[in-house]
Protein backbone atom coordinates (compact mmCIF):
# COMPACT_ATOMS: atom_id res chain seq x y z
CA MET A 1 -0.43 0.11 0.07
CA THR A 2 1.36 3.42 -0.85
CA GLY A 3 0.84 6.43 0.83
CA PRO A 4 0.76 9.99 -0.41
CA GLU A 5 4.26 10.79 -0.14
CA ARG A 6 5.27 7.46 -2.31
CA GLN A 7 6.25 8.59 -5.52
CA ILE A 8 5.92 5.51 -8.11
CA TRP A 9 8.27 5.54 -11.02
CA PRO A 10 7.28 3.13 -13.43
CA ALA A 11 10.79 2.26 -14.58
CA ALA A 12 11.94 1.42 -10.95
CA GLU A 13 8.90 -0.40 -10.38
CA ARG A 14 9.68 -2.65 -13.73
CA ASN A 15 13.64 -3.25 -12.98
CA LYS A 16 13.26 -3.56 -9.27
CA GLU A 17 12.72 -7.26 -9.33
CA PRO A 18 15.59 -8.04 -12.47
CA ILE A 19 18.03 -6.20 -10.31
CA LEU A 20 17.58 -7.85 -7.33
CA ASN A 21 17.92 -11.13 -8.89
CA VAL A 22 21.40 -10.03 -9.89
CA LEU A 23 22.20 -8.28 -6.34
CA ARG A 24 21.28 -11.72 -4.86
CA ARG A 25 24.18 -12.98 -5.97
CA LEU A 26 26.41 -10.20 -5.65
CA VAL A 27 25.89 -8.73 -1.99
CA SER A 28 26.88 -10.78 0.67
CA PRO A 29 24.72 -11.67 4.05
CA GLY A 30 25.29 -8.89 6.69
CA ALA A 31 26.59 -6.25 3.90
CA THR A 32 26.63 -2.70 4.26
CA VAL A 33 25.31 -0.49 1.22
CA LEU A 34 25.09 3.03 0.10
CA GLU A 35 22.76 3.91 -2.78
CA VAL A 36 23.66 6.68 -4.82
CA ALA A 37 20.85 8.64 -6.72
CA SER A 38 18.14 6.75 -4.49
CA GLY A 39 15.14 8.47 -6.51
CA SER A 40 11.90 7.67 -5.67
CA GLY A 41 13.25 5.08 -3.09
CA GLN A 42 11.12 1.57 -4.95
CA HIS A 43 14.58 0.33 -4.88
CA ALA A 44 16.23 1.36 -1.60
CA ALA A 45 12.63 -0.47 -0.29
CA HIS A 46 12.72 -3.36 -2.39
CA PHE A 47 16.42 -4.47 -2.15
CA ALA A 48 16.52 -3.71 1.71
CA ALA A 49 13.60 -5.61 2.39
CA GLN A 50 14.39 -8.82 0.45
CA LEU A 51 18.30 -8.94 0.98
CA ASP A 52 19.96 -9.63 3.99
CA LEU A 53 21.87 -6.45 4.76
CA ALA A 54 24.12 -4.98 8.23
CA SER A 55 22.46 -1.20 6.45
CA TYR A 56 21.27 0.38 3.38
CA GLN A 57 22.12 4.25 3.23
CA PRO A 58 20.12 5.71 0.49
CA THR A 59 21.07 8.97 -0.95
CA ASP A 60 19.87 11.40 -3.07
CA MET A 61 21.21 14.94 -4.50
CA ASP A 62 17.93 16.28 -4.89
CA LEU A 63 15.84 17.36 -1.73
CA GLY A 64 12.65 16.99 -3.26
CA HIS A 65 12.96 13.29 -3.35
CA HIS A 66 13.69 12.75 0.39
CA PRO A 67 10.18 12.34 1.29
CA SER A 68 9.53 10.06 -1.27
CA ILE A 69 12.64 7.73 0.25
CA ALA A 70 11.72 8.38 3.55
CA ALA A 71 8.04 7.21 2.93
CA TRP A 72 9.06 4.29 1.10
CA THR A 73 11.82 3.19 3.78
CA ARG A 74 10.34 4.22 6.97
CA ASP A 75 9.04 0.63 8.12
CA LEU A 76 12.86 -1.22 7.23
CA PRO A 77 15.34 -1.47 10.23
CA ALA A 78 18.07 -1.48 8.23
CA VAL A 79 17.74 1.32 6.44
CA LEU A 80 19.13 4.63 7.36
CA PRO A 81 17.92 8.29 7.14
CA VAL A 82 18.18 9.48 3.83
CA GLN A 83 21.32 11.97 3.10
CA GLN A 84 21.87 14.63 0.54
CA LEU A 85 24.77 13.52 -1.62
CA ASP A 86 26.43 15.22 -4.51
CA VAL A 87 29.06 12.85 -6.00
CA THR A 88 31.17 15.74 -7.68
CA ARG A 89 32.01 17.21 -4.07
CA ASP A 90 34.71 16.01 -2.09
CA PRO A 91 34.63 14.88 0.50
CA TRP A 92 31.41 12.92 0.42
CA PRO A 93 28.73 14.21 3.65
CA ILE A 94 28.12 10.33 4.99
CA GLY A 95 31.30 10.65 7.36
CA ASP A 96 33.76 8.09 8.22
CA VAL A 97 32.53 4.91 7.18
CA ARG A 98 32.62 2.09 4.40
CA PHE A 99 30.90 0.60 2.62
CA ASP A 100 30.41 -3.50 0.72
CA VAL A 101 28.54 -2.19 -1.93
CA ILE A 102 27.45 1.39 -3.28
CA TYR A 103 24.73 1.12 -6.03
CA CYS A 104 23.61 3.58 -8.77
CA ALA A 105 21.18 3.26 -11.13
CA ASN A 106 20.19 5.44 -14.23
CA MET A 107 22.54 8.15 -13.05
CA ILE A 108 25.82 8.52 -15.09
CA HIS A 109 24.20 9.41 -18.41
CA ILE A 110 21.03 11.86 -16.47
CA ALA A 111 24.16 13.98 -15.10
CA PRO A 112 27.90 15.52 -16.65
CA PHE A 113 30.60 13.22 -16.88
CA GLU A 114 31.89 15.06 -14.01
CA ALA A 115 29.27 13.14 -11.96
CA CYS A 116 30.63 9.49 -13.14
CA LEU A 117 34.26 10.48 -12.39
CA GLY A 118 32.93 11.68 -8.92
CA LEU A 119 31.20 8.40 -8.15
CA LEU A 120 34.02 6.93 -9.15
CA ARG A 121 36.25 8.79 -7.27
CA GLY A 122 34.32 8.20 -4.10
CA ALA A 123 33.59 4.32 -4.44
CA ALA A 124 37.60 3.95 -3.89
CA GLY A 125 37.01 6.65 -1.00
CA TYR A 126 34.30 4.81 0.80
CA LEU A 127 34.70 1.15 -0.78
CA ASN A 128 35.75 -1.77 1.90
CA SER A 129 38.78 -3.75 -0.17
CA GLY A 130 37.45 -5.97 -1.95
CA GLY A 131 33.98 -4.05 -2.16
CA LEU A 132 31.74 -3.71 -4.85
CA LEU A 133 30.29 -0.84 -6.91
CA CYS A 134 27.23 -1.62 -9.29
CA LEU A 135 25.99 0.59 -11.85
CA TYR A 136 22.47 0.19 -13.74
CA GLY A 137 21.96 1.41 -17.26
CA PRO A 138 22.38 1.95 -20.87
CA PHE A 139 25.49 1.89 -21.97
CA MET A 140 27.51 2.33 -25.18
CA VAL A 141 29.67 -0.85 -26.12
CA ASP A 142 33.44 0.05 -27.63
CA GLY A 143 31.94 3.40 -28.88
CA GLN A 144 28.46 1.11 -30.11
CA HIS A 145 25.07 1.53 -29.26
CA THR A 146 23.64 -2.20 -27.97
CA ALA A 147 20.13 -1.03 -29.90
CA PRO A 148 18.57 1.57 -31.60
CA SER A 149 16.37 2.68 -29.15
CA ASN A 150 19.71 3.31 -26.68
CA ALA A 151 20.87 5.85 -29.83
CA GLU A 152 17.78 7.50 -29.75
CA PHE A 153 17.51 8.03 -25.91
CA ASP A 154 20.94 9.62 -26.23
CA LEU A 155 20.38 11.67 -28.58
CA SER A 156 17.40 12.92 -26.69
CA LEU A 157 19.26 13.21 -23.81
CA ARG A 158 21.92 15.37 -25.31
CA GLN A 159 18.91 17.58 -26.82
CA ARG A 160 18.33 18.44 -23.25
CA ASP A 161 21.83 19.02 -21.97
CA PRO A 162 25.06 18.36 -24.20
CA ARG A 163 26.46 17.30 -20.88
CA TRP A 164 24.28 14.22 -20.67
CA GLY A 165 24.27 11.37 -22.61
CA VAL A 166 24.70 7.64 -22.53
CA ARG A 167 28.20 6.42 -21.53
CA ASP A 168 30.80 4.55 -23.28
CA LEU A 169 31.49 1.37 -20.99
CA THR A 170 35.12 1.23 -22.72
CA VAL A 171 35.81 4.98 -21.00
CA VAL A 172 34.04 4.56 -18.22
CA THR A 173 36.05 1.58 -17.19
CA ARG A 174 39.20 2.87 -17.75
CA ARG A 175 38.36 5.43 -15.55
CA ALA A 176 37.68 3.51 -12.73
CA GLN A 177 40.82 1.53 -13.34
CA GLU A 178 42.60 4.84 -12.87
CA ARG A 179 40.87 4.66 -9.20
CA GLY A 180 41.51 0.77 -8.56
CA LEU A 181 38.32 -0.28 -9.51
CA GLU A 182 38.70 -3.58 -11.64
CA TYR A 183 35.85 -4.96 -14.11
CA CYS A 184 34.18 -8.00 -12.71
CA GLU A 185 31.06 -7.96 -15.35
CA LYS A 186 28.08 -7.07 -17.19
CA VAL A 187 25.05 -8.49 -16.67
CA GLU A 188 22.66 -7.93 -19.77
CA MET A 189 19.40 -6.54 -18.57
CA PRO A 190 15.57 -6.01 -19.85
CA ALA A 191 15.38 -2.77 -21.95
CA ASN A 192 18.71 -2.77 -23.36
CA ASN A 193 20.60 -1.90 -19.91
CA LEU A 194 23.48 -3.60 -18.29
CA LEU A 195 24.36 -3.90 -14.66
CA VAL A 196 27.94 -3.80 -14.59
CA VAL A 197 30.16 -4.53 -11.48
CA PHE A 198 33.33 -3.35 -10.60
CA ARG A 199 35.73 -4.58 -7.35
CA TYR A 200 37.66 -2.60 -5.08
């Protein structure tokens, strides 16, 4: 049952279960998770309810999303109060903590590339040794779109803001390696998306 504060984003509702199916394999029991760009809070609520976690920290730069995130997660004991996080600012305002998993969905293409770089930099600073960075969304692979719909989406993003756009996984992987994040795998997901995993 949803309350008036809970936003329902159709894409998050569609992809939460396929993403969870991958996270079940990747996330160890008792893990600590930081979610970057939690949006509506639907992913935070779904994952925290289904995974055996020590803690789940939702964040979002947009304060307008915080009431929805709080509404979705208020009854889940593992979920910490939502914090504002701009990944391009150092240090991140999350205290002297480290995480086993940092998860981010559908953010790096709807933001300047500096946000992607900030996310990689922060992951290197806030992941435990052996921790995972999990990125979900559309990617190009070796400079090529994986589907015509992704090419159209990329064009629409760049028309809205020239700094936005579907990122090339080859470029993201190279910049991740510069921060000590090693590429592990990519999992093909519905709607021509990927879930990409890096290990610190």
